[in-house]
Amino acid sequence: MYICSMKAEKILILDFGSQYTQLIARRVRELNVYCDIIPFNKSIQLDDSIKGIILSGSPFSVLGDTTLRMDLASIIGKKPLLAICYGAQYIAHEMGGQVAKSAKREYGKAHINIVKDDIFFENIAQNSQVWMSHGDTIMQIPEGYELLAKTSSIDVAAYKANDGMYENEVYALQFHPEVTHSLEGATMLHNFVIQICNCSASWTAASYVEQTVSELKNQIGDEKVLMALSGGVDSSVAAMLLHRAVGKNLFCFFIDNGLLRKNEFEEVLDSYKGMGLNIRGIDARHRFWNELKGVTDPERKRKIIGRLFIELFEEEADKLDDITWLGQGTIYPDVIESVSVHGPSVTIKSHHNVGGLPEKLNLKIVEPLRMLFKDEVRRVGRELDISNTIIGRHPFPGPGLAIRILGDITEEKVSLLQEADAIFINLLKKHQLYDDVWQAGTILLPIQSVGVMGDERTYEKTVALRAVTSLDGMTAEWCRLPYDFLAEVSNEIINNVKGINRVVYDISTKPPATIEWE
């Protein structure tokens, strides 16, 4: 059963597996209102902290054997309800309306004709552009409901329960207000969340810090926490939240796993000076290299690295007295991409923060950032006065260069990639492009190609450059870096890194590609 946490107020999103569910959450949070996403089929204990409920879309149909069913009677009318796409079809189907397969799947831009004035469409222009993505069509709304909007191609684009039918309002939309292609979708969500649900819009970075530190104090008490830091945004912000809660009872360490960027071990340790954290560095390079020797499968790499991290956690805990908790910088995209916990989503890849843990771990896990997106983590970090050197740092994968070296891992390959990667990152900073990029890195490919240097024929390795823009890593677009800049990077790598004679640039978006190659 889902029982609300200590958050003062929230919107609850029931996930039917839509690719857009996380976007709904982002849009709600942009209104300074906290929201939780839970599977559609989890029973709910409603209380006063839940101000409204949103039903997501779904790749499934309300018709036939694939229908995802929930106990609609337990929520409808109990709190203000907004049903989107599949949710709207599900209410129509379950409440006596009619849903049929569309003669033609409607996908793309449409314009709504608002046929009834309603607070939901306050400040929304007539013929406002919205985004459709559905294979079923609502042919008839249930008895007791009224039409709010239609389009030129469908008769039911939005409808609601008649006033007085339930204690709270019920709205249903065939389109997706959460996507940017719905040009006034943010205003519609504002009308629902702020005006209809009466949320106070008080969930800010400052309130999050205050609330989370209070919760951590209650959760941990006088017990001790062990945490590995990476120098990145997530672990740094999580550590500072824990530091505010437990002070000197937080023990931090930074592992050199032999898969870091060039000089990163020394630079990371230096960056934490003055932050007041208990931290020490651990040189475990050869331990990781030895375990990864000959391993080429990406998932095996991740599992080996994750296992070694856990072993080191336990070893460090054994060196200290009475360690009870293991702190981690897990954030929301880690959870979504690692474990299918929100509806019928598909596991994409494991992550050492949330996957591959041994069944019996001697330490309890505490994850202060587990339900935050990356940009939210950065806002919290600024509220904590963490330096921009850390807050502005690009995301770096937990397994490090192991998943940017395609094929087996050797010390020689690590060194080769570190040199090429350092050139790329340093030139991004030199040309003031680093902050325009969400994440950048270099990938060492398991292929060799013929080249010519001077009068000599070469047969050396190829690296791929990857640079993307994104808000949270859930989707990403490749960066249109200047050609002259790419030419300079290629020239510097080929001329200065012996063993590489070819540089290529990855122009794939996510989806369908992922940001990392493994």
Protein backbone atom coordinates (compact mmCIF):
# COMPACT_ATOMS: atom_id res chain seq x y z
CA MET A 1 0.00 0.00 0.00
CA TYR A 2 1.16 3.54 -0.79
CA ILE A 3 1.23 5.66 2.37
CA CYS A 4 2.17 9.32 2.10
CA SER A 5 5.50 10.55 3.39
CA MET A 6 5.99 13.63 5.55
CA LYS A 7 5.64 16.07 2.64
CA ALA A 8 3.06 18.73 3.55
CA GLU A 9 1.20 18.48 0.25
CA LYS A 10 1.58 16.60 -2.99
CA ILE A 11 0.06 15.57 -6.28
CA LEU A 12 -0.05 11.81 -6.79
CA ILE A 13 0.63 10.52 -10.32
CA LEU A 14 -0.53 6.99 -11.12
CA ASP A 15 1.72 5.57 -13.82
CA PHE A 16 0.27 3.36 -16.54
CA GLY A 17 3.66 3.11 -18.27
CA SER A 18 3.58 6.21 -20.46
CA GLN A 19 6.83 7.55 -21.89
CA TYR A 20 5.55 10.97 -20.76
CA THR A 21 4.88 10.17 -17.08
CA GLN A 22 8.14 11.73 -15.93
CA LEU A 23 7.27 14.85 -17.92
CA ILE A 24 4.03 15.18 -15.96
CA ALA A 25 6.08 15.07 -12.76
CA ARG A 26 8.49 17.69 -14.07
CA ARG A 27 5.69 20.06 -15.04
CA VAL A 28 4.03 19.73 -11.64
CA ARG A 29 7.32 20.33 -9.83
CA GLU A 30 7.97 23.38 -11.99
CA LEU A 31 4.88 24.79 -10.27
CA ASN A 32 6.72 24.38 -6.92
CA VAL A 33 4.44 21.52 -5.97
CA TYR A 34 5.82 18.15 -4.89
CA CYS A 35 4.55 15.01 -6.62
CA ASP A 36 5.03 11.27 -6.30
CA ILE A 37 4.79 8.69 -9.09
CA ILE A 38 3.52 5.26 -8.12
CA PRO A 39 2.36 2.22 -10.16
CA PHE A 40 -1.25 2.39 -11.31
CA ASN A 41 -2.13 -0.82 -9.46
CA LYS A 42 -0.78 0.09 -6.02
CA SER A 43 -3.46 0.60 -3.40
CA ILE A 44 -3.54 4.09 -1.94
CA GLN A 45 -4.19 5.40 1.53
CA LEU A 46 -5.54 8.87 0.89
CA ASP A 47 -4.90 11.59 3.45
CA ASP A 48 -4.94 15.36 3.60
CA SER A 49 -1.43 15.67 2.12
CA ILE A 50 -2.67 14.39 -1.26
CA LYS A 51 -4.19 17.43 -2.95
CA GLY A 52 -4.93 15.82 -6.31
CA ILE A 53 -4.40 12.75 -8.50
CA ILE A 54 -3.25 12.48 -12.12
CA LEU A 55 -3.68 9.35 -14.26
CA SER A 56 -0.96 9.02 -16.90
CA GLY A 57 -1.15 7.84 -20.47
CA SER A 58 -0.10 4.36 -21.52
CA PRO A 59 1.13 2.38 -24.54
CA PHE A 60 -1.67 -0.10 -23.82
CA SER A 61 -5.33 -0.07 -24.85
CA VAL A 62 -8.43 -0.01 -22.67
CA LEU A 63 -9.89 -2.51 -25.14
CA GLY A 64 -9.01 -6.18 -25.01
CA ASP A 65 -6.65 -8.32 -22.92
CA THR A 66 -3.92 -5.71 -22.47
CA THR A 67 -6.05 -3.32 -20.41
CA LEU A 68 -4.27 -2.12 -17.27
CA ARG A 69 -6.96 -2.08 -14.59
CA MET A 70 -7.10 -0.28 -11.27
CA ASP A 71 -9.61 0.28 -8.49
CA LEU A 72 -11.08 3.45 -9.97
CA ALA A 73 -13.86 3.62 -7.36
CA SER A 74 -11.28 4.05 -4.59
CA ILE A 75 -10.08 7.40 -5.95
CA ILE A 76 -12.63 8.94 -8.32
CA GLY A 77 -14.19 11.98 -6.72
CA LYS A 78 -12.23 11.52 -3.49
CA LYS A 79 -9.63 14.08 -4.61
CA PRO A 80 -9.50 16.33 -7.69
CA LEU A 81 -8.61 14.01 -10.56
CA LEU A 82 -7.00 14.67 -13.95
CA ALA A 83 -6.93 11.77 -16.41
CA ILE A 84 -4.62 12.05 -19.42
CA CYS A 85 -4.96 10.04 -22.66
CA TYR A 86 -5.21 6.39 -21.51
CA GLY A 87 -6.56 7.68 -18.18
CA ALA A 88 -9.31 9.59 -20.00
CA GLN A 89 -10.16 6.54 -22.10
CA TYR A 90 -10.15 4.32 -19.02
CA ILE A 91 -12.64 6.52 -17.16
CA ALA A 92 -14.89 6.68 -20.21
CA HIS A 93 -14.73 2.92 -20.67
CA GLU A 94 -15.26 2.04 -17.00
CA MET A 95 -18.02 4.58 -16.34
CA GLY A 96 -20.29 3.56 -19.20
CA GLY A 97 -19.03 5.65 -22.08
CA GLN A 98 -17.79 4.26 -25.38
CA VAL A 99 -14.20 3.83 -26.60
CA ALA A 100 -13.28 2.36 -29.99
CA LYS A 101 -10.18 1.69 -32.02
CA SER A 102 -9.26 4.75 -34.06
CA ALA A 103 -9.66 4.40 -37.80
CA LYS A 104 -6.26 6.05 -37.98
CA ARG A 105 -3.83 6.53 -35.08
CA GLU A 106 -3.74 10.22 -34.18
CA TYR A 107 -0.20 11.33 -33.42
CA GLY A 108 1.01 14.91 -33.55
CA LYS A 109 -0.28 18.45 -33.35
CA ALA A 110 -3.98 19.30 -33.11
CA HIS A 111 -5.99 22.38 -32.16
CA ILE A 112 -8.72 22.28 -29.55
CA ASN A 113 -12.09 23.93 -29.88
CA ILE A 114 -13.20 24.80 -26.34
CA VAL A 115 -16.99 24.36 -26.19
CA LYS A 116 -17.60 25.20 -22.52
CA ASP A 117 -16.08 27.79 -20.23
CA ASP A 118 -14.31 26.15 -17.32
CA ILE A 119 -11.60 27.04 -14.82
CA PHE A 120 -9.42 24.32 -16.36
CA PHE A 121 -9.23 26.33 -19.62
CA GLU A 122 -8.85 29.73 -17.96
CA ASN A 123 -6.39 31.88 -19.95
CA ILE A 124 -6.27 29.26 -22.74
CA ALA A 125 -6.75 30.57 -26.27
CA GLN A 126 -9.39 29.13 -28.56
CA ASN A 127 -7.78 26.71 -31.05
CA SER A 128 -4.78 26.27 -28.77
CA GLN A 129 -2.26 23.74 -30.11
CA VAL A 130 -2.07 20.42 -28.22
CA TRP A 131 -0.25 17.13 -28.74
CA MET A 132 -2.13 13.93 -29.53
CA SER A 133 -0.79 10.38 -29.25
CA HIS A 134 -3.48 7.72 -29.19
CA GLY A 135 -4.72 4.67 -31.05
CA ASP A 136 -8.16 4.53 -29.36
CA THR A 137 -10.84 7.22 -29.54
CA ILE A 138 -13.50 8.23 -27.02
CA MET A 139 -16.70 7.98 -29.02
CA GLN A 140 -19.12 8.84 -26.21
CA ILE A 141 -18.55 10.24 -22.72
CA PRO A 142 -20.30 8.60 -19.75
CA GLU A 143 -23.65 9.75 -18.43
CA GLY A 144 -23.18 12.52 -15.89
CA TYR A 145 -20.17 13.98 -17.68
CA GLU A 146 -20.02 16.99 -20.01
CA LEU A 147 -17.89 17.87 -23.03
CA LEU A 148 -15.29 20.63 -22.64
CA ALA A 149 -13.35 20.55 -25.91
CA LYS A 150 -13.01 18.80 -29.26
CA THR A 151 -10.78 19.04 -32.33
CA SER A 152 -11.41 18.96 -36.06
CA SER A 153 -10.77 15.21 -36.12
CA ILE A 154 -12.14 13.93 -32.78
CA ASP A 155 -15.39 14.75 -30.98
CA VAL A 156 -13.98 14.35 -27.45
CA ALA A 157 -10.71 16.11 -26.64
CA ALA A 158 -11.61 17.01 -23.03
CA TYR A 159 -14.51 16.31 -20.70
CA LYS A 160 -15.36 16.52 -16.99
CA ALA A 161 -17.83 15.21 -14.43
CA ASN A 162 -20.90 17.41 -14.03
CA ASP A 163 -20.71 19.83 -11.12
CA GLY A 164 -21.99 18.17 -7.96
CA MET A 165 -21.61 14.62 -9.31
CA TYR A 166 -18.66 14.00 -6.99
CA GLU A 167 -17.27 15.76 -3.96
CA ASN A 168 -14.23 16.75 -6.07
CA GLU A 169 -13.74 17.57 -9.75
CA VAL A 170 -12.88 14.94 -12.37
CA TYR A 171 -11.24 16.09 -15.63
CA ALA A 172 -10.20 13.96 -18.60
CA LEU A 173 -8.03 14.94 -21.58
CA GLN A 174 -7.39 12.99 -24.77
CA PHE A 175 -4.23 15.05 -25.41
CA HIS A 176 -0.96 15.44 -23.47
CA PRO A 177 -0.66 18.83 -21.71
CA GLU A 178 2.74 17.87 -20.26
CA VAL A 179 4.68 17.95 -23.55
CA THR A 180 6.04 21.20 -24.94
CA HIS A 181 4.12 20.71 -28.20
CA SER A 182 0.97 21.47 -26.18
CA LEU A 183 1.77 25.17 -26.23
CA GLU A 184 -0.48 26.14 -23.31
CA GLY A 185 -0.28 22.81 -21.51
CA ALA A 186 1.70 24.32 -18.63
CA THR A 187 -1.13 26.80 -18.02
CA MET A 188 -3.69 23.97 -18.02
CA LEU A 189 -1.64 22.05 -15.45
CA HIS A 190 -1.29 25.25 -13.41
CA ASN A 191 -5.06 25.66 -13.46
CA PHE A 192 -5.53 22.09 -12.25
CA VAL A 193 -2.76 21.95 -9.65
CA ILE A 194 -2.96 25.46 -8.21
CA GLN A 195 -6.57 26.53 -8.72
CA ILE A 196 -8.52 23.28 -8.68
CA CYS A 197 -6.34 21.31 -6.23
CA ASN A 198 -5.55 24.45 -4.19
CA CYS A 199 -1.84 23.64 -3.83
CA SER A 200 0.18 26.38 -2.15
CA ALA A 201 3.22 26.16 -4.49
CA SER A 202 5.57 26.16 -1.50
CA TRP A 203 7.86 23.28 -2.53
CA THR A 204 11.10 25.15 -3.23
CA ALA A 205 14.80 24.31 -2.91
CA ALA A 206 14.87 26.03 0.48
CA SER A 207 11.83 24.12 1.73
CA TYR A 208 13.26 20.88 0.37
CA VAL A 209 16.50 21.39 2.31
CA GLU A 210 14.65 22.19 5.52
CA GLN A 211 12.22 19.28 5.15
CA THR A 212 14.84 16.73 4.08
CA VAL A 213 17.33 17.61 6.82
CA SER A 214 14.52 17.26 9.37
CA GLU A 215 13.50 13.88 7.94
CA LEU A 216 17.13 12.68 7.89
CA LYS A 217 17.58 13.64 11.54
CA ASN A 218 14.49 11.64 12.47
CA GLN A 219 15.50 8.71 10.24
CA ILE A 220 19.14 8.42 11.29
CA GLY A 221 19.24 9.89 14.78
CA ASP A 222 22.65 9.45 16.39
CA GLU A 223 23.69 6.59 14.10
CA LYS A 224 26.67 6.79 11.73
CA VAL A 225 26.59 7.04 7.94
CA LEU A 226 29.23 5.89 5.47
CA MET A 227 29.18 7.43 1.99
CA ALA A 228 31.31 7.28 -1.13
CA LEU A 229 31.74 10.59 -2.96
CA SER A 230 32.58 11.11 -6.61
CA GLY A 231 33.03 14.87 -6.91
CA GLY A 232 29.84 15.02 -8.94
CA VAL A 233 26.65 16.92 -8.29
CA ASP A 234 24.54 14.08 -6.92
CA SER A 235 26.85 12.59 -4.30
CA SER A 236 28.06 16.04 -3.23
CA VAL A 237 24.56 17.42 -2.65
CA ALA A 238 23.45 14.24 -0.91
CA ALA A 239 26.51 14.37 1.34
CA MET A 240 25.90 18.00 2.32
CA LEU A 241 22.28 17.23 3.21
CA LEU A 242 23.47 14.34 5.36
CA HIS A 243 26.22 16.52 6.84
CA ARG A 244 23.64 19.09 7.93
CA ALA A 245 21.60 16.32 9.51
CA VAL A 246 24.25 14.22 11.28
CA GLY A 247 27.44 16.32 11.20
CA LYS A 248 30.58 14.39 12.13
CA ASN A 249 28.63 11.12 12.12
CA LEU A 250 28.96 11.17 8.33
CA PHE A 251 32.12 9.41 7.13
CA CYS A 252 32.99 9.92 3.46
CA PHE A 253 35.55 8.37 1.16
CA PHE A 254 36.46 8.67 -2.49
CA ILE A 255 37.59 5.60 -4.43
CA ASP A 256 40.09 5.69 -7.25
CA ASN A 257 38.71 2.74 -9.20
CA GLY A 258 41.13 3.25 -12.09
CA LEU A 259 38.21 4.34 -14.27
CA LEU A 260 38.17 8.06 -13.51
CA ARG A 261 39.02 10.94 -15.78
CA LYS A 262 42.61 12.20 -15.95
CA ASN A 263 43.77 13.65 -12.58
CA GLU A 264 40.23 13.33 -11.25
CA PHE A 265 41.22 11.58 -8.01
CA GLU A 266 43.40 14.47 -6.86
CA GLU A 267 41.06 17.17 -8.15
CA VAL A 268 38.00 15.68 -6.45
CA LEU A 269 39.69 15.40 -3.08
CA ASP A 270 40.88 18.98 -3.42
CA SER A 271 37.39 20.24 -4.33
CA TYR A 272 35.99 19.10 -0.97
CA LYS A 273 38.42 21.21 1.04
CA GLY A 274 36.57 23.73 3.15
CA MET A 275 33.22 21.90 2.95
CA GLY A 276 33.67 20.40 6.41
CA LEU A 277 33.25 16.78 5.33
CA ASN A 278 35.11 13.82 6.83
CA ILE A 279 36.66 12.34 3.67
CA ARG A 280 39.65 10.25 2.70
CA GLY A 281 40.87 8.82 -0.59
CA ILE A 282 41.25 5.10 -1.35
CA ASP A 283 43.49 3.79 -4.14
CA ALA A 284 41.75 0.67 -5.49
CA ARG A 285 42.80 0.94 -9.13
CA HIS A 286 44.47 -2.45 -9.49
CA ARG A 287 41.67 -4.22 -7.64
CA PHE A 288 39.14 -3.02 -10.23
CA TRP A 289 41.43 -3.61 -13.21
CA ASN A 290 42.16 -7.18 -12.10
CA GLU A 291 38.46 -8.01 -11.65
CA LEU A 292 37.56 -6.49 -15.05
CA LYS A 293 40.35 -8.22 -16.96
CA GLY A 294 38.98 -9.90 -20.08
CA VAL A 295 35.37 -8.82 -19.43
CA THR A 296 33.63 -7.34 -22.49
CA ASP A 297 29.92 -7.58 -21.68
CA PRO A 298 28.60 -4.18 -20.50
CA GLU A 299 26.25 -5.62 -17.89
CA ARG A 300 29.00 -7.82 -16.43
CA LYS A 301 31.22 -4.74 -16.17
CA ARG A 302 28.50 -2.86 -14.31
CA LYS A 303 27.79 -5.76 -11.97
CA ILE A 304 31.50 -6.29 -11.20
CA ILE A 305 32.01 -2.59 -10.49
CA GLY A 306 28.86 -2.46 -8.38
CA ARG A 307 29.94 -5.52 -6.39
CA LEU A 308 33.39 -4.09 -5.75
CA PHE A 309 31.90 -0.81 -4.58
CA ILE A 310 29.67 -2.69 -2.14
CA GLU A 311 32.62 -4.75 -0.88
CA LEU A 312 34.60 -1.54 -0.32
CA PHE A 313 31.63 0.00 1.48
CA GLU A 314 31.54 -2.97 3.84
CA GLU A 315 35.30 -2.98 4.33
CA GLU A 316 35.30 0.72 5.19
CA ALA A 317 32.40 0.19 7.56
CA ASP A 318 34.35 -2.58 9.33
CA LYS A 319 37.21 -0.15 9.94
CA LEU A 320 34.85 2.18 11.77
CA ASP A 321 32.77 1.55 14.84
CA ASP A 322 29.01 1.11 14.62
CA ILE A 323 28.37 2.23 11.02
CA THR A 324 24.66 1.68 10.35
CA TRP A 325 23.83 3.56 7.15
CA LEU A 326 25.17 3.73 3.62
CA GLY A 327 24.52 7.08 1.95
CA GLN A 328 24.01 7.22 -1.83
CA GLY A 329 23.44 9.99 -4.36
CA THR A 330 20.77 8.10 -6.29
CA ILE A 331 18.46 10.42 -8.25
CA TYR A 332 15.21 9.85 -10.05
CA PRO A 333 16.51 8.94 -13.54
CA ASP A 334 18.78 6.32 -11.90
CA VAL A 335 15.73 4.70 -10.38
CA ILE A 336 13.63 4.86 -13.55
CA GLU A 337 16.37 3.42 -15.79
CA SER A 338 17.53 0.76 -13.33
CA VAL A 339 14.50 -0.82 -11.70
CA SER A 340 10.96 -1.07 -12.98
CA VAL A 341 9.26 0.51 -9.99
CA HIS A 342 6.85 2.96 -11.62
CA GLY A 343 4.28 1.07 -13.62
CA PRO A 344 5.04 -1.43 -16.40
CA SER A 345 8.17 0.34 -17.63
CA VAL A 346 11.04 -1.65 -19.06
CA THR A 347 14.40 -2.04 -17.36
CA ILE A 348 17.04 -0.49 -19.65
CA LYS A 349 20.25 -1.11 -17.73
CA SER A 350 21.48 -1.74 -14.23
CA HIS A 351 23.17 0.92 -12.15
CA HIS A 352 25.46 0.29 -9.23
CA ASN A 353 23.53 2.72 -7.00
CA VAL A 354 20.25 0.82 -7.20
CA GLY A 355 20.97 -2.47 -8.95
CA GLY A 356 23.27 -5.39 -8.23
CA LEU A 357 23.13 -5.04 -4.46
CA PRO A 358 23.72 -8.30 -2.58
CA GLU A 359 20.61 -9.77 -1.02
CA LYS A 360 22.03 -9.32 2.44
CA LEU A 361 23.75 -5.99 3.00
CA ASN A 362 25.01 -5.11 6.43
CA LEU A 363 24.23 -1.41 5.99
CA LYS A 364 20.87 0.30 5.58
CA ILE A 365 20.53 2.62 2.58
CA VAL A 366 19.73 6.33 2.81
CA GLU A 367 19.15 8.25 -0.45
CA PRO A 368 18.27 11.93 0.16
CA LEU A 369 17.87 12.72 -3.56
CA ARG A 370 16.07 9.60 -4.74
CA MET A 371 13.03 11.42 -6.13
CA LEU A 372 14.75 14.51 -7.60
CA PHE A 373 15.62 15.28 -11.21
CA LYS A 374 19.11 16.53 -12.00
CA ASP A 375 18.14 20.19 -12.36
CA GLU A 376 16.32 20.01 -9.03
CA VAL A 377 19.47 18.56 -7.43
CA ARG A 378 21.45 21.53 -8.74
CA ARG A 379 18.95 24.00 -7.27
CA VAL A 380 19.21 22.27 -3.91
CA GLY A 381 23.01 22.34 -4.19
CA ARG A 382 23.00 26.10 -4.75
CA GLU A 383 20.73 26.48 -1.74
CA LEU A 384 23.40 24.59 0.24
CA ASP A 385 26.09 27.01 -1.06
CA ILE A 386 28.06 24.28 -2.83
CA SER A 387 30.59 25.74 -5.26
CA ASN A 388 29.69 26.05 -8.92
CA THR A 389 32.75 23.93 -9.77
CA ILE A 390 30.83 20.98 -8.37
CA ILE A 391 27.26 22.08 -9.16
CA GLY A 392 28.11 22.79 -12.80
CA ARG A 393 30.04 19.55 -13.33
CA HIS A 394 28.75 17.29 -16.08
CA PRO A 395 27.14 14.00 -15.03
CA PHE A 396 29.60 11.12 -15.06
CA PRO A 397 28.45 7.48 -15.09
CA GLY A 398 28.93 5.44 -11.92
CA PRO A 399 30.92 2.74 -13.76
CA GLY A 400 33.14 5.52 -15.15
CA LEU A 401 35.33 4.89 -18.17
CA ALA A 402 34.53 1.16 -18.03
CA ILE A 403 31.41 1.80 -20.12
CA ARG A 404 33.22 4.25 -22.38
CA ILE A 405 35.80 1.63 -23.30
CA LEU A 406 33.92 -0.75 -25.56
CA GLY A 407 35.36 -4.20 -25.04
CA ASP A 408 37.78 -5.38 -22.38
CA ILE A 409 39.43 -3.02 -19.90
CA THR A 410 43.21 -2.62 -19.65
CA GLU A 411 45.37 -0.04 -17.92
CA GLU A 412 46.73 1.00 -21.34
CA LYS A 413 43.22 1.61 -22.74
CA VAL A 414 42.23 3.60 -19.66
CA SER A 415 45.29 5.82 -20.05
CA LEU A 416 44.61 6.30 -23.77
CA LEU A 417 41.00 7.30 -23.18
CA GLN A 418 41.89 9.59 -20.27
CA GLU A 419 44.24 11.58 -22.47
CA ALA A 420 41.75 11.93 -25.34
CA ASP A 421 38.89 12.76 -22.98
CA ALA A 422 40.93 15.40 -21.15
CA ILE A 423 41.62 17.17 -24.44
CA PHE A 424 37.91 17.21 -25.33
CA ILE A 425 36.73 18.46 -21.92
CA ASN A 426 39.47 21.05 -21.53
CA LEU A 427 38.79 22.48 -24.98
CA LEU A 428 35.07 22.71 -24.15
CA LYS A 429 36.02 24.80 -21.13
CA LYS A 430 38.59 26.86 -23.04
CA HIS A 431 36.03 27.81 -25.71
CA GLN A 432 33.33 28.43 -23.06
CA LEU A 433 31.15 25.63 -24.41
CA TYR A 434 31.24 23.42 -21.30
CA ASP A 435 28.24 25.04 -19.60
CA ASP A 436 26.20 24.82 -22.81
CA VAL A 437 26.57 21.03 -22.77
CA TRP A 438 24.67 18.82 -20.33
CA GLN A 439 27.07 15.89 -20.64
CA ALA A 440 30.15 15.22 -22.72
CA GLY A 441 32.58 12.35 -22.97
CA THR A 442 34.84 10.33 -25.20
CA ILE A 443 34.31 6.68 -26.13
CA LEU A 444 37.13 4.33 -27.09
CA LEU A 445 35.90 2.02 -29.84
CA PRO A 446 37.03 -1.62 -30.24
CA ILE A 447 38.11 -1.05 -33.83
CA GLN A 448 41.27 0.04 -35.58
CA SER A 449 41.53 1.82 -38.88
CA VAL A 450 44.22 2.73 -41.36
CA GLY A 451 45.71 6.21 -41.21
CA VAL A 452 48.72 8.11 -42.48
CA MET A 453 51.03 10.19 -40.28
CA GLY A 454 53.90 11.78 -42.15
CA ASP A 455 55.08 9.14 -44.58
CA GLU A 456 54.08 6.25 -42.33
CA ARG A 457 51.03 4.05 -42.48
CA THR A 458 49.26 3.66 -39.12
CA TYR A 459 46.74 1.15 -37.90
CA GLU A 460 45.38 2.61 -34.68
CA LYS A 461 42.27 3.13 -32.56
CA THR A 462 39.20 5.29 -33.05
CA VAL A 463 37.44 7.45 -30.46
CA ALA A 464 33.92 8.87 -30.64
CA LEU A 465 33.04 12.22 -29.10
CA ARG A 466 29.65 12.50 -27.41
CA ALA A 467 28.03 15.77 -26.28
CA VAL A 468 24.34 16.17 -25.49
CA THR A 469 21.89 18.72 -24.14
CA SER A 470 19.22 17.63 -21.67
CA LEU A 471 17.36 18.66 -18.54
CA ASP A 472 17.45 15.41 -16.61
CA GLY A 473 18.89 12.65 -18.79
CA MET A 474 15.50 11.10 -19.55
CA THR A 475 15.73 12.50 -23.09
CA ALA A 476 18.73 14.12 -24.79
CA GLU A 477 19.62 15.92 -28.01
CA TRP A 478 23.08 15.89 -29.55
CA CYS A 479 24.92 19.21 -29.35
CA ARG A 480 25.51 21.21 -32.51
CA LEU A 481 29.11 22.02 -31.60
CA PRO A 482 30.89 24.31 -34.08
CA TYR A 483 32.72 22.53 -36.89
CA ASP A 484 35.90 24.52 -36.22
CA PHE A 485 35.81 23.40 -32.61
CA LEU A 486 35.35 19.73 -33.53
CA ALA A 487 38.19 20.05 -36.01
CA GLU A 488 40.44 21.44 -33.27
CA VAL A 489 39.53 18.62 -30.88
CA SER A 490 40.19 15.99 -33.54
CA ASN A 491 43.51 17.56 -34.47
CA GLU A 492 44.67 17.82 -30.85
CA ILE A 493 43.74 14.21 -30.03
CA ILE A 494 45.34 12.68 -33.13
CA ASN A 495 48.50 14.76 -32.80
CA ASN A 496 48.96 14.28 -29.05
CA VAL A 497 47.58 10.86 -28.15
CA LYS A 498 49.73 8.13 -29.63
CA GLY A 499 47.55 5.17 -30.53
CA ILE A 500 44.54 7.11 -31.87
CA ASN A 501 44.35 8.10 -35.53
CA ARG A 502 40.62 8.72 -36.06
CA VAL A 503 37.97 10.83 -34.28
CA VAL A 504 34.21 10.65 -34.99
CA TYR A 505 31.25 12.58 -33.55
CA ASP A 506 28.05 10.90 -32.30
CA ILE A 507 24.88 12.67 -33.55
CA SER A 508 22.29 10.29 -32.03
CA THR A 509 19.40 11.48 -29.86
CA LYS A 510 17.97 9.76 -26.78
CA PRO A 511 15.70 8.00 -27.52
CA PRO A 512 16.27 5.87 -29.53
CA ALA A 513 19.97 5.85 -28.50
CA THR A 514 21.16 6.19 -24.91
CA ILE A 515 23.65 8.84 -23.81
CA GLU A 516 26.32 6.27 -23.00
CA TRP A 517 27.30 3.62 -25.53
CA GLU A 518 27.15 0.80 -22.98
